[in-house]
Amino acid sequence: MQVLRVEPTPNPNAIKFVLDAMLGSPSEYRSAEEAASNDLAKELFAMDGIEALFLSENFVTVTMNASADWHQVHEQARKLIEAHKGEGFEQAASAAPIPVIREGAQEDAGENAEILDQIGAVITQRVMPALNADGGGLQVIGIDEHKVVTIQYQGACGSCPSSIQGTLGAIENLLRSEVDPDLRVVPAGMAADPMGW
């Protein structure tokens, strides 16, 4: 597996390694324990300074902690990625479909299921390409009775200051214009007041 290029991300603590191999469905890891089933992620977590990893399509986003030595992490991560044999990864030109709605996260029926399908389509077609370009992604967790859509940022978006401000507003505006004008979008862990912000 070769690193084709290394790209900065809007997150000052994350860097994106673009590869010549397809990694399949998005996977995020926040600890070595979580990465135990993925050999590449497990090897990367053995390095000092790694806070999180996001593997998706043809890239790996490495998020570092504040004390990490950027140059050391960059060089070591690149060497580990290129030394990795890539077992289980496709060498194909097309990526696996992006799973937007986390399986089993919410049992919705009727109108909410239809709205979630529409939200998933808009997120996949219009939002994910931009987030992937910046080394990130997101999952839609669900929607409540007040039309509050809960999302979980991934990769570089997970700890990026702009994801809570500009990006969140852009996603909400897009979903309001294309799905339902009453929708609100909040990141996981943030409660929304059903009567307004």
Protein backbone atom coordinates (compact mmCIF):
# COMPACT_ATOMS: atom_id res chain seq x y z
CA MET A 1 0.00 0.00 0.00
CA GLN A 2 1.39 3.38 -0.97
CA VAL A 3 0.70 6.86 0.38
CA LEU A 4 -0.12 8.96 -2.68
CA ARG A 5 -0.13 12.25 -0.78
CA VAL A 6 -0.44 13.75 2.68
CA GLU A 7 -3.00 16.52 3.11
CA PRO A 8 -3.66 18.95 5.94
CA THR A 9 -7.21 19.13 7.28
CA PRO A 10 -9.20 22.02 8.76
CA ASN A 11 -8.55 20.38 12.14
CA PRO A 12 -5.14 21.61 13.33
CA ASN A 13 -4.55 18.28 15.11
CA ALA A 14 -5.35 15.96 12.20
CA ILE A 15 -3.63 14.94 8.99
CA LYS A 16 -4.96 12.87 6.07
CA PHE A 17 -2.97 10.17 4.26
CA VAL A 18 -4.43 9.43 0.80
CA LEU A 19 -3.70 5.86 -0.32
CA ASP A 20 -3.62 3.80 -3.49
CA ALA A 21 -5.90 1.19 -1.86
CA MET A 22 -9.57 1.17 -0.92
CA LEU A 23 -10.14 0.58 2.80
CA GLY A 24 -13.87 -0.13 2.56
CA SER A 25 -16.53 1.13 4.94
CA PRO A 26 -15.65 3.95 7.37
CA SER A 27 -14.14 2.88 10.69
CA GLU A 28 -13.22 5.17 13.57
CA TYR A 29 -11.02 4.18 16.49
CA ARG A 30 -10.38 6.22 19.64
CA SER A 31 -8.11 3.77 21.44
CA ALA A 32 -5.81 0.82 20.85
CA GLU A 33 -8.46 -1.42 22.42
CA GLU A 34 -11.07 -0.32 19.89
CA ALA A 35 -8.54 -0.92 17.10
CA ALA A 36 -7.74 -4.49 18.16
CA SER A 37 -9.56 -6.00 15.16
CA ASN A 38 -7.82 -3.78 12.58
CA ASP A 39 -4.11 -4.51 12.10
CA LEU A 40 -3.26 -1.17 10.49
CA ALA A 41 -5.05 0.85 13.18
CA LYS A 42 -3.48 -1.28 15.91
CA GLU A 43 0.01 -0.59 14.50
CA LEU A 44 -0.66 3.14 14.27
CA PHE A 45 -1.91 3.30 17.86
CA ALA A 46 1.42 1.83 18.99
CA MET A 47 2.96 5.23 18.11
CA ASP A 48 3.14 8.01 20.68
CA GLY A 49 0.76 10.93 20.28
CA ILE A 50 -2.14 9.25 18.42
CA GLU A 51 -5.55 10.26 19.77
CA ALA A 52 -7.88 8.86 17.08
CA LEU A 53 -7.89 7.20 13.66
CA PHE A 54 -10.45 7.30 10.87
CA LEU A 55 -10.15 4.87 7.96
CA SER A 56 -12.52 5.44 5.04
CA GLU A 57 -12.51 4.84 1.32
CA ASN A 58 -8.91 5.51 0.25
CA PHE A 59 -7.60 7.50 3.19
CA VAL A 60 -6.49 7.35 6.82
CA THR A 61 -6.93 10.40 9.04
CA VAL A 62 -4.62 10.54 12.05
CA THR A 63 -5.65 12.83 14.91
CA MET A 64 -2.85 13.66 17.32
CA ASN A 65 -2.93 14.88 20.90
CA ALA A 66 -1.58 18.33 21.78
CA SER A 67 1.81 17.01 22.95
CA ALA A 68 2.53 15.01 19.77
CA ASP A 69 5.58 15.81 17.65
CA TRP A 70 4.02 16.50 14.24
CA HIS A 71 7.11 15.61 12.21
CA GLN A 72 7.71 12.37 14.07
CA VAL A 73 4.06 11.26 13.82
CA HIS A 74 3.95 12.18 10.12
CA GLU A 75 7.07 10.20 9.24
CA GLN A 76 6.29 7.16 11.42
CA ALA A 77 2.66 6.97 10.28
CA ARG A 78 3.67 7.16 6.63
CA LYS A 79 6.23 4.36 7.08
CA LEU A 80 3.75 2.14 8.95
CA ILE A 81 1.04 2.66 6.34
CA GLU A 82 3.38 1.92 3.45
CA ALA A 83 4.82 -1.15 5.20
CA HIS A 84 1.33 -2.52 5.87
CA LYS A 85 0.52 -5.43 3.58
CA GLY A 86 -3.07 -4.33 3.12
CA GLU A 87 -4.66 -7.73 3.70
CA GLY A 88 -8.43 -7.48 3.49
CA PHE A 89 -8.33 -4.16 1.65
CA GLU A 90 -9.57 -3.86 -1.92
CA GLN A 91 -7.21 -2.57 -4.59
CA ALA A 92 -10.31 -1.50 -6.54
CA ALA A 93 -11.09 1.92 -7.91
CA SER A 94 -14.44 2.32 -6.20
CA ALA A 95 -15.24 2.56 -2.51
CA ALA A 96 -17.88 0.73 -0.53
CA PRO A 97 -21.11 2.65 0.04
CA ILE A 98 -20.92 5.05 2.98
CA PRO A 99 -23.07 3.87 5.90
CA VAL A 100 -24.82 7.01 7.07
CA ILE A 101 -27.29 5.70 9.61
CA ARG A 102 -25.76 3.56 12.35
CA GLU A 103 -27.38 0.13 12.34
CA GLY A 104 -29.47 -0.59 15.41
CA ALA A 105 -29.09 2.93 16.76
CA GLN A 106 -32.78 3.72 16.60
CA GLU A 107 -35.91 1.76 15.86
CA ASP A 108 -37.98 4.18 13.81
CA ALA A 109 -41.23 3.53 12.06
CA GLY A 110 -43.51 5.43 9.73
CA GLU A 111 -42.72 9.06 9.08
CA ASN A 112 -39.37 9.10 10.95
CA ALA A 113 -38.06 6.15 8.90
CA GLU A 114 -38.95 7.97 5.68
CA ILE A 115 -37.34 11.22 6.87
CA LEU A 116 -34.21 9.32 7.97
CA ASP A 117 -33.98 7.75 4.50
CA GLN A 118 -34.18 11.22 2.92
CA ILE A 119 -31.62 12.61 5.38
CA GLY A 120 -29.32 9.66 4.66
CA ALA A 121 -29.53 10.26 0.91
CA VAL A 122 -28.74 13.99 1.24
CA ILE A 123 -25.87 13.33 3.67
CA THR A 124 -24.37 10.64 1.42
CA GLN A 125 -24.66 12.62 -1.81
CA ARG A 126 -24.06 16.19 -0.70
CA VAL A 127 -22.27 16.25 2.69
CA MET A 128 -19.98 13.20 2.81
CA PRO A 129 -17.85 14.13 -0.23
CA ALA A 130 -16.94 17.45 1.41
CA LEU A 131 -16.27 15.88 4.82
CA ASN A 132 -14.20 13.07 3.24
CA ALA A 133 -12.16 15.67 1.35
CA ASP A 134 -11.26 17.17 4.74
CA GLY A 135 -10.40 13.77 6.28
CA GLY A 136 -13.67 13.29 8.15
CA GLY A 137 -17.14 11.89 8.03
CA LEU A 138 -20.31 11.53 10.08
CA GLN A 139 -23.03 9.13 11.02
CA VAL A 140 -26.68 9.99 11.57
CA ILE A 141 -27.67 8.56 14.95
CA GLY A 142 -31.40 9.28 14.73
CA ILE A 143 -34.22 11.80 14.88
CA ASP A 144 -36.54 12.55 17.81
CA GLU A 145 -40.20 13.59 18.00
CA HIS A 146 -39.18 17.29 17.85
CA LYS A 147 -37.38 16.76 14.51
CA VAL A 148 -33.94 17.06 16.11
CA VAL A 149 -31.42 15.06 14.08
CA THR A 150 -28.45 13.77 16.07
CA ILE A 151 -25.17 13.24 14.23
CA GLN A 152 -21.79 11.86 15.26
CA TYR A 153 -18.73 13.43 13.62
CA GLN A 154 -15.84 11.15 12.65
CA GLY A 155 -12.17 11.59 11.81
CA ALA A 156 -10.81 15.11 11.47
CA CYS A 157 -14.33 16.48 11.99
CA GLY A 158 -14.58 14.91 15.45
CA SER A 159 -12.45 17.50 17.23
CA CYS A 160 -12.40 20.30 14.66
CA PRO A 161 -13.64 23.70 15.89
CA SER A 162 -15.33 24.47 12.56
CA SER A 163 -17.46 21.29 12.71
CA ILE A 164 -19.50 22.68 15.62
CA GLN A 165 -19.95 26.10 14.06
CA GLY A 166 -19.90 26.47 10.28
CA THR A 167 -20.20 22.86 9.20
CA LEU A 168 -23.09 22.08 11.55
CA GLY A 169 -25.01 25.13 10.32
CA ALA A 170 -24.38 24.22 6.69
CA ILE A 171 -25.63 20.65 7.25
CA GLU A 172 -28.73 21.92 9.03
CA ASN A 173 -29.50 24.48 6.29
CA LEU A 174 -29.08 21.84 3.58
CA LEU A 175 -31.39 19.36 5.35
CA ARG A 176 -33.96 22.09 6.00
CA SER A 177 -34.03 23.09 2.35
CA GLU A 178 -34.02 19.57 0.90
CA VAL A 179 -35.87 17.45 3.48
CA ASP A 180 -37.93 19.39 6.05
CA PRO A 181 -37.78 23.10 7.04
CA ASP A 182 -38.39 22.22 10.71
CA LEU A 183 -35.33 20.00 11.16
CA ARG A 184 -32.59 20.85 13.65
CA VAL A 185 -29.18 19.18 13.74
CA VAL A 186 -27.09 18.62 16.87
CA PRO A 187 -23.89 16.66 17.46
CA ALA A 188 -24.14 13.61 19.74
CA GLY A 189 -23.88 14.59 23.39
CA MET A 190 -25.44 18.01 22.87
CA ALA A 191 -29.07 18.42 23.91
CA ALA A 192 -31.38 20.61 21.89
CA ASP A 193 -34.22 22.61 23.42
CA PRO A 194 -37.33 21.50 21.52
CA MET A 195 -38.73 25.04 21.74
CA GLY A 196 -35.58 26.62 20.22
CA TRP A 197 -31.91 27.14 20.89
